[in-house]
Amino acid sequence: MTDDGFQGFHLTALDARRYDFGNALRGYDRTRVDQFRDQVAEELERLARQHQELDTKARNFHEQLKAYREREKALNEALVSAQQLRGDIREQAEREAQLIIREAQQEAERQLAAVRDEVRRAQEELQQLLRTRRSFLAQMRNQLERQLSELNAAENEILPEFPTPRTLTAMSTEPPVARDIRELPPRPLAPTPSWLDAVVEDES
């Protein structure tokens, strides 16, 4: 290794162990220089391991940071998607609600029209029943008036004359032909024939 490399201090543990200080008159104690070189090499090895560990941790942190950033990006995208989805769901819910309201209004109008038709039919049926009742009452009134007239006529009717008990007894004993003959109006007597007088005389 050259002095320029030493001045840049880009040394490794192997460079420290192989570095040759050379020989000079009245130079340093070689044993102590070798010990210092070993210590420097060990320290360089420790620093290299520490640097490697720190580099590994830094890479891990970088990977974690990258993963966190990707996760954050995914979360932000998911949040944006969720917000957009929420807006879409809200718009769809509003449209469905308006559609349901319109359908409910139309159904209410149909039911109201049906109820109005039923009320109108019921009113017509009631009017027809009232007209039928009025006609029936008029017929009943006419019939009752006729019966009342007949009753009044019956009350004012002259009572017939009934025969006395004696007449009834006589009427009950005589034959019907004799009663009919008796009730006939009287006729003028005709001259009796001569042969009838002879018969009467013979019977006597």
N, C-alpha and C. Protein backbone atom coordinates (compact mmCIF):
# COMPACT_ATOMS: atom_id res chain seq x y z
N MET A 1 0.85 -1.19 0.00
CA MET A 1 0.00 0.00 0.00
C MET A 1 0.87 1.23 0.00
N THR A 2 0.54 2.29 -0.72
CA THR A 2 1.33 3.50 -0.84
C THR A 2 0.93 4.50 0.20
N ASP A 3 1.76 5.58 0.28
CA ASP A 3 1.45 6.65 1.22
C ASP A 3 0.19 7.39 0.81
N ASP A 4 -0.03 7.50 -0.54
CA ASP A 4 -1.24 8.20 -0.99
C ASP A 4 -2.47 7.46 -0.48
N GLY A 5 -2.42 6.16 -0.51
CA GLY A 5 -3.56 5.39 0.01
C GLY A 5 -3.70 5.59 1.48
N PHE A 6 -2.62 5.70 2.19
CA PHE A 6 -2.70 5.92 3.63
C PHE A 6 -3.26 7.29 3.95
N GLN A 7 -2.89 8.31 3.13
CA GLN A 7 -3.41 9.65 3.37
C GLN A 7 -4.92 9.70 3.12
N GLY A 8 -5.42 8.93 2.19
CA GLY A 8 -6.87 8.89 1.96
C GLY A 8 -7.59 8.10 3.04
N PHE A 9 -6.84 7.35 3.78
CA PHE A 9 -7.36 6.56 4.90
C PHE A 9 -8.46 5.60 4.44
N HIS A 10 -8.25 5.01 3.27
CA HIS A 10 -9.15 3.96 2.79
C HIS A 10 -8.45 2.64 3.07
N LEU A 11 -8.38 2.28 4.33
CA LEU A 11 -7.66 1.09 4.75
C LEU A 11 -8.63 0.01 5.16
N THR A 12 -8.19 -1.19 4.96
CA THR A 12 -8.92 -2.35 5.46
C THR A 12 -8.05 -3.03 6.50
N ALA A 13 -8.61 -3.97 7.18
CA ALA A 13 -7.81 -4.71 8.19
C ALA A 13 -6.65 -5.45 7.54
N LEU A 14 -6.87 -5.97 6.35
CA LEU A 14 -5.79 -6.67 5.65
C LEU A 14 -4.68 -5.70 5.26
N ASP A 15 -5.05 -4.47 4.83
CA ASP A 15 -4.04 -3.46 4.50
C ASP A 15 -3.21 -3.10 5.71
N ALA A 16 -3.85 -2.98 6.85
CA ALA A 16 -3.12 -2.64 8.08
C ALA A 16 -2.17 -3.75 8.48
N ARG A 17 -2.58 -5.00 8.31
CA ARG A 17 -1.73 -6.11 8.71
C ARG A 17 -0.55 -6.27 7.74
N ARG A 18 -0.70 -5.94 6.50
CA ARG A 18 0.37 -6.14 5.51
C ARG A 18 1.23 -4.89 5.27
N TYR A 19 0.88 -3.83 5.93
CA TYR A 19 1.64 -2.59 5.68
C TYR A 19 3.08 -2.74 6.19
N ASP A 20 4.01 -2.33 5.35
CA ASP A 20 5.43 -2.47 5.70
C ASP A 20 5.99 -1.08 5.97
N PHE A 21 6.43 -0.86 7.19
CA PHE A 21 6.99 0.46 7.54
C PHE A 21 8.44 0.64 7.06
N GLY A 22 9.06 -0.38 6.67
CA GLY A 22 10.46 -0.29 6.22
C GLY A 22 11.45 -0.24 7.42
N ASN A 23 12.74 -0.21 7.11
CA ASN A 23 13.78 -0.18 8.15
C ASN A 23 14.53 1.15 8.05
N ALA A 24 14.85 1.68 9.20
CA ALA A 24 15.62 2.93 9.25
C ALA A 24 16.49 2.90 10.50
N LEU A 25 17.53 3.63 10.40
CA LEU A 25 18.43 3.70 11.54
C LEU A 25 17.74 4.42 12.68
N ARG A 26 17.91 3.84 13.83
CA ARG A 26 17.28 4.39 15.04
C ARG A 26 15.76 4.56 14.80
N GLY A 27 15.10 3.54 14.23
CA GLY A 27 13.65 3.58 14.00
C GLY A 27 12.85 3.18 15.23
N TYR A 28 11.49 2.95 15.05
CA TYR A 28 10.59 2.61 16.15
C TYR A 28 10.81 1.17 16.57
N ASP A 29 10.29 0.88 17.74
CA ASP A 29 10.35 -0.49 18.24
C ASP A 29 9.42 -1.35 17.38
N ARG A 30 9.99 -2.35 16.73
CA ARG A 30 9.23 -3.15 15.78
C ARG A 30 8.11 -3.92 16.46
N THR A 31 8.35 -4.41 17.67
CA THR A 31 7.32 -5.18 18.37
C THR A 31 6.12 -4.32 18.68
N ARG A 32 6.38 -3.13 19.18
CA ARG A 32 5.27 -2.23 19.50
C ARG A 32 4.55 -1.78 18.24
N VAL A 33 5.29 -1.59 17.16
CA VAL A 33 4.63 -1.21 15.90
C VAL A 33 3.74 -2.34 15.42
N ASP A 34 4.21 -3.59 15.57
CA ASP A 34 3.39 -4.72 15.15
C ASP A 34 2.11 -4.83 16.01
N GLN A 35 2.28 -4.59 17.31
CA GLN A 35 1.11 -4.64 18.18
C GLN A 35 0.10 -3.54 17.80
N PHE A 36 0.63 -2.33 17.56
CA PHE A 36 -0.27 -1.23 17.17
C PHE A 36 -0.96 -1.54 15.84
N ARG A 37 -0.17 -2.16 14.94
CA ARG A 37 -0.77 -2.52 13.65
C ARG A 37 -1.88 -3.54 13.83
N ASP A 38 -1.67 -4.49 14.71
CA ASP A 38 -2.73 -5.50 14.97
C ASP A 38 -3.96 -4.84 15.59
N GLN A 39 -3.71 -3.91 16.52
CA GLN A 39 -4.85 -3.21 17.13
C GLN A 39 -5.62 -2.40 16.09
N VAL A 40 -4.84 -1.73 15.22
CA VAL A 40 -5.51 -0.95 14.17
C VAL A 40 -6.30 -1.87 13.26
N ALA A 41 -5.73 -3.03 12.95
CA ALA A 41 -6.43 -3.98 12.08
C ALA A 41 -7.72 -4.49 12.74
N GLU A 42 -7.59 -4.81 14.03
CA GLU A 42 -8.79 -5.28 14.75
C GLU A 42 -9.86 -4.19 14.81
N GLU A 43 -9.39 -2.94 15.06
CA GLU A 43 -10.36 -1.84 15.10
C GLU A 43 -11.01 -1.62 13.74
N LEU A 44 -10.20 -1.76 12.69
CA LEU A 44 -10.77 -1.63 11.36
C LEU A 44 -11.77 -2.75 11.06
N GLU A 45 -11.41 -3.96 11.52
CA GLU A 45 -12.36 -5.06 11.33
C GLU A 45 -13.66 -4.79 12.09
N ARG A 46 -13.52 -4.27 13.34
CA ARG A 46 -14.74 -3.96 14.13
C ARG A 46 -15.55 -2.87 13.45
N LEU A 47 -14.85 -1.84 12.97
CA LEU A 47 -15.56 -0.77 12.29
C LEU A 47 -16.20 -1.26 10.99
N ALA A 48 -15.51 -2.18 10.31
CA ALA A 48 -16.09 -2.72 9.07
C ALA A 48 -17.35 -3.53 9.37
N ARG A 49 -17.24 -4.35 10.46
CA ARG A 49 -18.45 -5.12 10.83
C ARG A 49 -19.59 -4.19 11.24
N GLN A 50 -19.21 -3.15 12.02
CA GLN A 50 -20.23 -2.20 12.46
C GLN A 50 -20.84 -1.47 11.25
N HIS A 51 -19.93 -1.12 10.30
CA HIS A 51 -20.42 -0.45 9.09
C HIS A 51 -21.35 -1.37 8.30
N GLN A 52 -20.96 -2.63 8.23
CA GLN A 52 -21.79 -3.58 7.51
C GLN A 52 -23.15 -3.76 8.21
N GLU A 53 -23.11 -3.85 9.54
CA GLU A 53 -24.37 -3.96 10.28
C GLU A 53 -25.23 -2.72 10.09
N LEU A 54 -24.55 -1.55 10.17
CA LEU A 54 -25.32 -0.32 9.98
C LEU A 54 -25.87 -0.23 8.55
N ASP A 55 -25.07 -0.68 7.61
CA ASP A 55 -25.54 -0.66 6.22
C ASP A 55 -26.72 -1.62 6.03
N THR A 56 -26.60 -2.79 6.69
CA THR A 56 -27.72 -3.74 6.61
C THR A 56 -28.98 -3.16 7.25
N LYS A 57 -28.79 -2.55 8.42
CA LYS A 57 -29.95 -1.91 9.07
C LYS A 57 -30.52 -0.78 8.21
N ALA A 58 -29.60 -0.01 7.61
CA ALA A 58 -30.07 1.09 6.76
C ALA A 58 -30.86 0.54 5.58
N ARG A 59 -30.34 -0.56 4.96
CA ARG A 59 -31.09 -1.16 3.86
C ARG A 59 -32.45 -1.69 4.35
N ASN A 60 -32.41 -2.30 5.54
CA ASN A 60 -33.69 -2.80 6.09
C ASN A 60 -34.66 -1.64 6.35
N PHE A 61 -34.08 -0.57 6.95
CA PHE A 61 -34.94 0.60 7.18
C PHE A 61 -35.45 1.18 5.87
N HIS A 62 -34.58 1.17 4.87
CA HIS A 62 -35.00 1.68 3.56
C HIS A 62 -36.11 0.81 2.98
N GLU A 63 -35.93 -0.51 3.11
CA GLU A 63 -36.97 -1.41 2.62
C GLU A 63 -38.26 -1.22 3.39
N GLN A 64 -38.12 -1.09 4.71
CA GLN A 64 -39.32 -0.85 5.52
C GLN A 64 -39.98 0.47 5.16
N LEU A 65 -39.11 1.50 4.97
CA LEU A 65 -39.66 2.79 4.59
C LEU A 65 -40.35 2.70 3.23
N LYS A 66 -39.74 1.94 2.32
CA LYS A 66 -40.35 1.76 1.01
C LYS A 66 -41.69 1.02 1.14
N ALA A 67 -41.67 -0.03 1.99
CA ALA A 67 -42.91 -0.77 2.21
C ALA A 67 -43.96 0.12 2.86
N TYR A 68 -43.52 0.95 3.84
CA TYR A 68 -44.47 1.86 4.48
C TYR A 68 -45.04 2.86 3.48
N ARG A 69 -44.15 3.35 2.61
CA ARG A 69 -44.63 4.30 1.61
C ARG A 69 -45.62 3.63 0.65
N GLU A 70 -45.27 2.40 0.23
CA GLU A 70 -46.19 1.68 -0.65
C GLU A 70 -47.51 1.41 0.06
N ARG A 71 -47.39 1.03 1.37
CA ARG A 71 -48.62 0.79 2.13
C ARG A 71 -49.42 2.08 2.29
N GLU A 72 -48.69 3.17 2.54
CA GLU A 72 -49.38 4.46 2.65
C GLU A 72 -50.05 4.83 1.34
N LYS A 73 -49.35 4.58 0.24
CA LYS A 73 -49.92 4.86 -1.07
C LYS A 73 -51.16 4.00 -1.31
N ALA A 74 -51.04 2.70 -0.93
CA ALA A 74 -52.20 1.81 -1.09
C ALA A 74 -53.36 2.27 -0.21
N LEU A 75 -53.01 2.69 1.02
CA LEU A 75 -54.07 3.18 1.92
C LEU A 75 -54.72 4.44 1.36
N ASN A 76 -53.87 5.34 0.82
CA ASN A 76 -54.43 6.56 0.23
C ASN A 76 -55.33 6.23 -0.96
N GLU A 77 -54.86 5.30 -1.80
CA GLU A 77 -55.69 4.89 -2.93
C GLU A 77 -56.98 4.22 -2.46
N ALA A 78 -56.83 3.37 -1.41
CA ALA A 78 -58.03 2.73 -0.87
C ALA A 78 -58.97 3.76 -0.28
N LEU A 79 -58.39 4.78 0.40
CA LEU A 79 -59.22 5.83 0.97
C LEU A 79 -59.94 6.61 -0.12
N VAL A 80 -59.19 6.92 -1.20
CA VAL A 80 -59.82 7.64 -2.32
C VAL A 80 -60.91 6.78 -2.95
N SER A 81 -60.60 5.48 -3.12
CA SER A 81 -61.60 4.57 -3.69
C SER A 81 -62.81 4.47 -2.78
N ALA A 82 -62.54 4.40 -1.45
CA ALA A 82 -63.65 4.31 -0.50
C ALA A 82 -64.50 5.57 -0.54
N GLN A 83 -63.84 6.73 -0.62
CA GLN A 83 -64.59 7.97 -0.71
C GLN A 83 -65.40 8.03 -2.00
N GLN A 84 -64.77 7.61 -3.10
CA GLN A 84 -65.50 7.60 -4.37
C GLN A 84 -66.64 6.59 -4.32
N LEU A 85 -66.36 5.42 -3.72
CA LEU A 85 -67.41 4.41 -3.59
C LEU A 85 -68.54 4.91 -2.70
N ARG A 86 -68.16 5.61 -1.62
CA ARG A 86 -69.18 6.17 -0.75
C ARG A 86 -70.03 7.19 -1.49
N GLY A 87 -69.36 8.03 -2.31
CA GLY A 87 -70.13 8.98 -3.11
C GLY A 87 -71.04 8.28 -4.10
N ASP A 88 -70.51 7.21 -4.74
CA ASP A 88 -71.34 6.47 -5.69
C ASP A 88 -72.51 5.81 -4.98
N ILE A 89 -72.22 5.23 -3.81
CA ILE A 89 -73.30 4.57 -3.05
C ILE A 89 -74.34 5.60 -2.61
N ARG A 90 -73.88 6.78 -2.20
CA ARG A 90 -74.82 7.82 -1.78
C ARG A 90 -75.68 8.26 -2.96
N GLU A 91 -75.04 8.47 -4.12
CA GLU A 91 -75.82 8.86 -5.30
C GLU A 91 -76.81 7.77 -5.69
N GLN A 92 -76.34 6.52 -5.66
CA GLN A 92 -77.24 5.41 -6.01
C GLN A 92 -78.38 5.31 -5.00
N ALA A 93 -78.04 5.48 -3.69
CA ALA A 93 -79.08 5.43 -2.67
C ALA A 93 -80.09 6.56 -2.86
N GLU A 94 -79.60 7.75 -3.21
CA GLU A 94 -80.51 8.86 -3.45
C GLU A 94 -81.40 8.58 -4.66
N ARG A 95 -80.81 8.03 -5.73
CA ARG A 95 -81.62 7.69 -6.90
C ARG A 95 -82.67 6.63 -6.56
N GLU A 96 -82.23 5.60 -5.82
CA GLU A 96 -83.19 4.56 -5.43
C GLU A 96 -84.28 5.13 -4.52
N ALA A 97 -83.88 6.02 -3.61
CA ALA A 97 -84.87 6.63 -2.72
C ALA A 97 -85.88 7.46 -3.51
N GLN A 98 -85.38 8.24 -4.48
CA GLN A 98 -86.29 9.02 -5.32
C GLN A 98 -87.20 8.11 -6.13
N LEU A 99 -86.64 7.01 -6.64
CA LEU A 99 -87.47 6.06 -7.39
C LEU A 99 -88.53 5.43 -6.51
N ILE A 100 -88.14 5.06 -5.28
CA ILE A 100 -89.11 4.47 -4.34
C ILE A 100 -90.19 5.48 -3.99
N ILE A 101 -89.79 6.75 -3.80
CA ILE A 101 -90.78 7.78 -3.47
C ILE A 101 -91.75 7.97 -4.63
N ARG A 102 -91.22 8.01 -5.87
CA ARG A 102 -92.11 8.17 -7.02
C ARG A 102 -93.06 6.98 -7.15
N GLU A 103 -92.52 5.78 -6.97
CA GLU A 103 -93.38 4.60 -7.05
C GLU A 103 -94.43 4.62 -5.95
N ALA A 104 -94.02 5.04 -4.74
CA ALA A 104 -94.98 5.12 -3.64
C ALA A 104 -96.06 6.16 -3.93
N GLN A 105 -95.67 7.30 -4.49
CA GLN A 105 -96.65 8.32 -4.86
C GLN A 105 -97.61 7.80 -5.92
N GLN A 106 -97.06 7.12 -6.94
CA GLN A 106 -97.92 6.57 -7.98
C GLN A 106 -98.87 5.52 -7.42
N GLU A 107 -98.34 4.67 -6.53
CA GLU A 107 -99.20 3.65 -5.92
C GLU A 107 -100.27 4.30 -5.06
N ALA A 108 -99.89 5.36 -4.32
CA ALA A 108 -100.88 6.06 -3.50
C ALA A 108 -101.95 6.70 -4.37
N GLU A 109 -101.54 7.28 -5.50
CA GLU A 109 -102.52 7.88 -6.41
C GLU A 109 -103.44 6.81 -6.99
N ARG A 110 -102.88 5.63 -7.34
CA ARG A 110 -103.73 4.56 -7.85
C ARG A 110 -104.71 4.08 -6.79
N GLN A 111 -104.22 3.90 -5.58
CA GLN A 111 -105.12 3.46 -4.52
C GLN A 111 -106.18 4.52 -4.22
N LEU A 112 -105.79 5.80 -4.24
CA LEU A 112 -106.76 6.87 -4.01
C LEU A 112 -107.81 6.89 -5.11
N ALA A 113 -107.38 6.71 -6.37
CA ALA A 113 -108.35 6.66 -7.47
C ALA A 113 -109.28 5.47 -7.31
N ALA A 114 -108.72 4.31 -6.88
CA ALA A 114 -109.56 3.12 -6.67
C ALA A 114 -110.57 3.37 -5.56
N VAL A 115 -110.12 4.03 -4.47
CA VAL A 115 -111.03 4.34 -3.37
C VAL A 115 -112.12 5.30 -3.83
N ARG A 116 -111.74 6.28 -4.64
CA ARG A 116 -112.74 7.23 -5.15
C ARG A 116 -113.77 6.51 -6.02
N ASP A 117 -113.28 5.57 -6.86
CA ASP A 117 -114.22 4.80 -7.69
C ASP A 117 -115.16 3.97 -6.82
N GLU A 118 -114.61 3.35 -5.77
CA GLU A 118 -115.46 2.56 -4.88
C GLU A 118 -116.48 3.44 -4.17
N VAL A 119 -116.05 4.63 -3.74
CA VAL A 119 -116.98 5.55 -3.08
C VAL A 119 -118.08 5.97 -4.05
N ARG A 120 -117.67 6.25 -5.31
CA ARG A 120 -118.66 6.65 -6.30
C ARG A 120 -119.66 5.53 -6.58
N ARG A 121 -119.14 4.30 -6.71
CA ARG A 121 -120.05 3.16 -6.92
C ARG A 121 -120.96 2.95 -5.72
N ALA A 122 -120.39 3.11 -4.51
CA ALA A 122 -121.21 2.95 -3.31
C ALA A 122 -122.30 4.02 -3.25
N GLN A 123 -121.95 5.26 -3.64
CA GLN A 123 -122.96 6.32 -3.66
C GLN A 123 -124.05 6.02 -4.68
N GLU A 124 -123.65 5.53 -5.86
CA GLU A 124 -124.65 5.18 -6.87
C GLU A 124 -125.55 4.05 -6.38
N GLU A 125 -124.94 3.03 -5.76
CA GLU A 125 -125.75 1.93 -5.22
C GLU A 125 -126.69 2.43 -4.12
N LEU A 126 -126.19 3.35 -3.28
CA LEU A 126 -127.03 3.90 -2.22
C LEU A 126 -128.18 4.70 -2.81
N GLN A 127 -127.90 5.50 -3.85
CA GLN A 127 -128.98 6.24 -4.50
C GLN A 127 -130.00 5.30 -5.13
N GLN A 128 -129.50 4.21 -5.74
CA GLN A 128 -130.43 3.24 -6.31
C GLN A 128 -131.27 2.59 -5.23
N LEU A 129 -130.64 2.26 -4.10
CA LEU A 129 -131.41 1.68 -3.00
C LEU A 129 -132.43 2.68 -2.46
N LEU A 130 -132.04 3.95 -2.38
CA LEU A 130 -133.00 4.96 -1.90
C LEU A 130 -134.17 5.10 -2.87
N ARG A 131 -133.86 5.08 -4.20
CA ARG A 131 -134.96 5.16 -5.16
C ARG A 131 -135.86 3.94 -5.07
N THR A 132 -135.27 2.75 -4.90
CA THR A 132 -136.07 1.53 -4.74
C THR A 132 -136.92 1.60 -3.48
N ARG A 133 -136.33 2.10 -2.41
CA ARG A 133 -137.08 2.23 -1.15
C ARG A 133 -138.24 3.22 -1.31
N ARG A 134 -137.96 4.33 -1.99
CA ARG A 134 -139.02 5.32 -2.20
C ARG A 134 -140.15 4.74 -3.03
N SER A 135 -139.78 3.97 -4.09
CA SER A 135 -140.81 3.34 -4.90
C SER A 135 -141.60 2.32 -4.10
N PHE A 136 -140.91 1.54 -3.27
CA PHE A 136 -141.59 0.54 -2.45
C PHE A 136 -142.52 1.22 -1.45
N LEU A 137 -142.07 2.32 -0.85
CA LEU A 137 -142.92 3.03 0.10
C LEU A 137 -144.14 3.62 -0.60
N ALA A 138 -143.93 4.11 -1.85
CA ALA A 138 -145.08 4.64 -2.59
C ALA A 138 -146.09 3.53 -2.88
N GLN A 139 -145.59 2.36 -3.29
CA GLN A 139 -146.48 1.24 -3.53
C GLN A 139 -147.21 0.82 -2.25
N MET A 140 -146.44 0.77 -1.15
CA MET A 140 -147.07 0.42 0.13
C MET A 140 -148.12 1.45 0.51
N ARG A 141 -147.82 2.74 0.27
CA ARG A 141 -148.79 3.79 0.59
C ARG A 141 -150.06 3.62 -0.24
N ASN A 142 -149.89 3.36 -1.55
CA ASN A 142 -151.07 3.18 -2.41
C ASN A 142 -151.89 1.97 -1.95
N GLN A 143 -151.17 0.88 -1.64
CA GLN A 143 -151.88 -0.32 -1.19
C GLN A 143 -152.60 -0.07 0.12
N LEU A 144 -151.92 0.63 1.04
CA LEU A 144 -152.56 0.93 2.32
C LEU A 144 -153.74 1.88 2.13
N GLU A 145 -153.60 2.83 1.20
CA GLU A 145 -154.72 3.74 0.96
C GLU A 145 -155.91 2.99 0.36
N ARG A 146 -155.64 2.03 -0.55
CA ARG A 146 -156.74 1.23 -1.08
C ARG A 146 -157.41 0.41 0.02
N GLN A 147 -156.55 -0.22 0.84
CA GLN A 147 -157.13 -1.01 1.94
C GLN A 147 -157.90 -0.12 2.91
N LEU A 148 -157.38 1.09 3.14
CA LEU A 148 -158.09 2.00 4.04
C LEU A 148 -159.42 2.42 3.42
N SER A 149 -159.40 2.67 2.09
CA SER A 149 -160.66 3.01 1.42
C SER A 149 -161.65 1.85 1.52
N GLU A 150 -161.17 0.63 1.33
CA GLU A 150 -162.04 -0.52 1.47
C GLU A 150 -162.58 -0.66 2.88
N LEU A 151 -161.70 -0.39 3.87
CA LEU A 151 -162.16 -0.44 5.27
C LEU A 151 -163.21 0.63 5.53
N ASN A 152 -162.98 1.84 5.01
CA ASN A 152 -163.97 2.89 5.20
C ASN A 152 -165.29 2.53 4.53
N ALA A 153 -165.18 1.95 3.33
CA ALA A 153 -166.42 1.54 2.65
C ALA A 153 -167.12 0.44 3.41
N ALA A 154 -166.34 -0.49 3.98
CA ALA A 154 -166.95 -1.57 4.76
C ALA A 154 -167.62 -1.03 6.01
N GLU A 155 -167.00 -0.02 6.62
CA GLU A 155 -167.61 0.57 7.82
C GLU A 155 -168.91 1.28 7.49
N ASN A 156 -168.97 1.91 6.31
CA ASN A 156 -170.18 2.65 5.93
C ASN A 156 -171.24 1.78 5.24
N GLU A 157 -170.97 0.51 5.11
CA GLU A 157 -171.90 -0.39 4.42
C GLU A 157 -173.16 -0.58 5.26
N ILE A 158 -174.36 -0.61 4.61
CA ILE A 158 -175.64 -0.79 5.32
C ILE A 158 -175.77 -2.23 5.74
N LEU A 159 -176.18 -2.42 6.99
CA LEU A 159 -176.33 -3.77 7.52
C LEU A 159 -177.57 -4.42 6.94
N PRO A 160 -177.52 -5.66 6.55
CA PRO A 160 -178.72 -6.34 6.02
C PRO A 160 -179.72 -6.63 7.12
N GLU A 161 -181.00 -6.78 6.74
CA GLU A 161 -182.05 -7.15 7.70
C GLU A 161 -182.15 -8.66 7.76
N PHE A 162 -182.01 -9.18 8.96
CA PHE A 162 -182.08 -10.62 9.16
C PHE A 162 -183.48 -11.03 9.59
N PRO A 163 -183.99 -12.20 9.20
CA PRO A 163 -185.35 -12.66 9.62
C PRO A 163 -185.42 -12.95 11.11
N THR A 164 -186.62 -12.89 11.62
CA THR A 164 -186.85 -13.16 13.04
C THR A 164 -186.72 -14.65 13.30
N PRO A 165 -186.66 -15.07 14.54
CA PRO A 165 -186.54 -16.50 14.85
C PRO A 165 -187.72 -17.30 14.34
N ARG A 166 -188.97 -16.74 14.42
CA ARG A 166 -190.14 -17.47 13.93
C ARG A 166 -190.03 -17.68 12.43
N THR A 167 -189.63 -16.64 11.78
CA THR A 167 -189.49 -16.76 10.32
C THR A 167 -188.41 -17.76 9.97
N LEU A 168 -187.39 -17.77 10.74
CA LEU A 168 -186.31 -18.73 10.50
C LEU A 168 -186.81 -20.14 10.72
N THR A 169 -187.67 -20.33 11.75
CA THR A 169 -188.20 -21.67 12.02
C THR A 169 -189.08 -22.12 10.88
N ALA A 170 -189.91 -21.20 10.41
CA ALA A 170 -190.79 -21.55 9.28
C ALA A 170 -189.99 -21.82 8.04
N MET A 171 -189.01 -21.03 7.83
CA MET A 171 -188.20 -21.21 6.65
C MET A 171 -187.43 -22.50 6.71
N SER A 172 -187.07 -22.91 7.95
CA SER A 172 -186.31 -24.15 8.06
C SER A 172 -187.17 -25.37 7.85
N THR A 173 -188.52 -25.28 8.12
CA THR A 173 -189.38 -26.45 7.98
C THR A 173 -189.92 -26.60 6.58
N GLU A 174 -190.16 -25.52 5.87
CA GLU A 174 -190.72 -25.65 4.54
C GLU A 174 -189.64 -26.00 3.54
N PRO A 175 -190.00 -26.70 2.47
CA PRO A 175 -189.03 -27.09 1.47
C PRO A 175 -188.56 -25.88 0.69
N PRO A 176 -187.43 -26.00 0.07
CA PRO A 176 -186.88 -24.86 -0.67
C PRO A 176 -187.76 -24.43 -1.81
N VAL A 177 -188.46 -25.39 -2.47
CA VAL A 177 -189.32 -25.03 -3.61
C VAL A 177 -190.49 -24.21 -3.14
N ALA A 178 -191.04 -24.59 -1.99
CA ALA A 178 -192.16 -23.83 -1.46
C ALA A 178 -191.71 -22.44 -1.07
N ARG A 179 -190.47 -22.31 -0.51
CA ARG A 179 -189.99 -20.98 -0.14
C ARG A 179 -189.78 -20.13 -1.36
N ASP A 180 -189.29 -20.75 -2.44
CA ASP A 180 -189.11 -19.97 -3.67
C ASP A 180 -190.46 -19.54 -4.23
N ILE A 181 -191.44 -20.45 -4.15
CA ILE A 181 -192.75 -20.09 -4.67
C ILE A 181 -193.37 -19.00 -3.84
N ARG A 182 -193.12 -19.08 -2.51
CA ARG A 182 -193.71 -18.09 -1.64
C ARG A 182 -193.11 -16.72 -1.87
N GLU A 183 -191.88 -16.71 -2.24
CA GLU A 183 -191.21 -15.42 -2.45
C GLU A 183 -191.56 -14.83 -3.80
N LEU A 184 -192.22 -15.62 -4.69
CA LEU A 184 -192.61 -15.07 -5.98
C LEU A 184 -193.67 -14.00 -5.81
N PRO A 185 -193.71 -13.03 -6.69
CA PRO A 185 -194.76 -12.00 -6.57
C PRO A 185 -196.12 -12.60 -6.88
N PRO A 186 -197.15 -12.08 -6.25
CA PRO A 186 -198.51 -12.64 -6.48
C PRO A 186 -198.97 -12.41 -7.90
N ARG A 187 -199.76 -13.43 -8.44
CA ARG A 187 -200.30 -13.36 -9.80
C ARG A 187 -201.85 -13.37 -9.71
N PRO A 188 -202.48 -12.85 -10.70
CA PRO A 188 -203.95 -12.92 -10.70
C PRO A 188 -204.43 -14.36 -10.89
N LEU A 189 -205.46 -14.75 -10.18
CA LEU A 189 -205.96 -16.11 -10.24
C LEU A 189 -206.65 -16.36 -11.58
N ALA A 190 -206.34 -17.53 -12.15
CA ALA A 190 -206.98 -17.92 -13.43
C ALA A 190 -208.24 -18.75 -13.13
N PRO A 191 -209.19 -18.80 -14.03
CA PRO A 191 -210.40 -19.60 -13.80
C PRO A 191 -210.06 -21.08 -13.71
N THR A 192 -210.62 -21.73 -12.75
CA THR A 192 -210.34 -23.15 -12.54
C THR A 192 -211.04 -23.96 -13.59
N PRO A 193 -210.36 -24.95 -14.22
CA PRO A 193 -211.03 -25.77 -15.22
C PRO A 193 -212.11 -26.65 -14.59
N SER A 194 -213.01 -27.08 -15.42
CA SER A 194 -214.15 -27.88 -14.93
C SER A 194 -213.69 -29.26 -14.50
N TRP A 195 -212.76 -29.81 -15.19
CA TRP A 195 -212.31 -31.15 -14.81
C TRP A 195 -211.58 -31.14 -13.50
N LEU A 196 -210.93 -29.96 -13.14
CA LEU A 196 -210.23 -29.87 -11.85
C LEU A 196 -211.26 -29.78 -10.73
N ASP A 197 -212.32 -29.13 -10.95
CA ASP A 197 -213.36 -29.06 -9.91
C ASP A 197 -213.93 -30.42 -9.64
N ALA A 198 -214.07 -31.25 -10.69
CA ALA A 198 -214.60 -32.59 -10.50
C ALA A 198 -213.63 -33.43 -9.70
N VAL A 199 -212.39 -33.29 -9.98
CA VAL A 199 -211.40 -34.05 -9.21
C VAL A 199 -211.37 -33.65 -7.78
N VAL A 200 -211.53 -32.39 -7.49
CA VAL A 200 -211.52 -31.91 -6.12
C VAL A 200 -212.74 -32.44 -5.38
N GLU A 201 -213.85 -32.42 -6.06
CA GLU A 201 -215.09 -32.94 -5.44
C GLU A 201 -214.94 -34.41 -5.13
N ASP A 202 -214.34 -35.20 -6.04
CA ASP A 202 -214.16 -36.62 -5.79
C ASP A 202 -213.28 -36.88 -4.61
N GLU A 203 -212.21 -36.14 -4.48
CA GLU A 203 -211.29 -36.33 -3.34
C GLU A 203 -211.92 -35.95 -2.03
N SER A 204 -212.76 -34.97 -2.07
CA SER A 204 -213.42 -34.60 -0.83
C SER A 204 -214.46 -35.65 -0.43
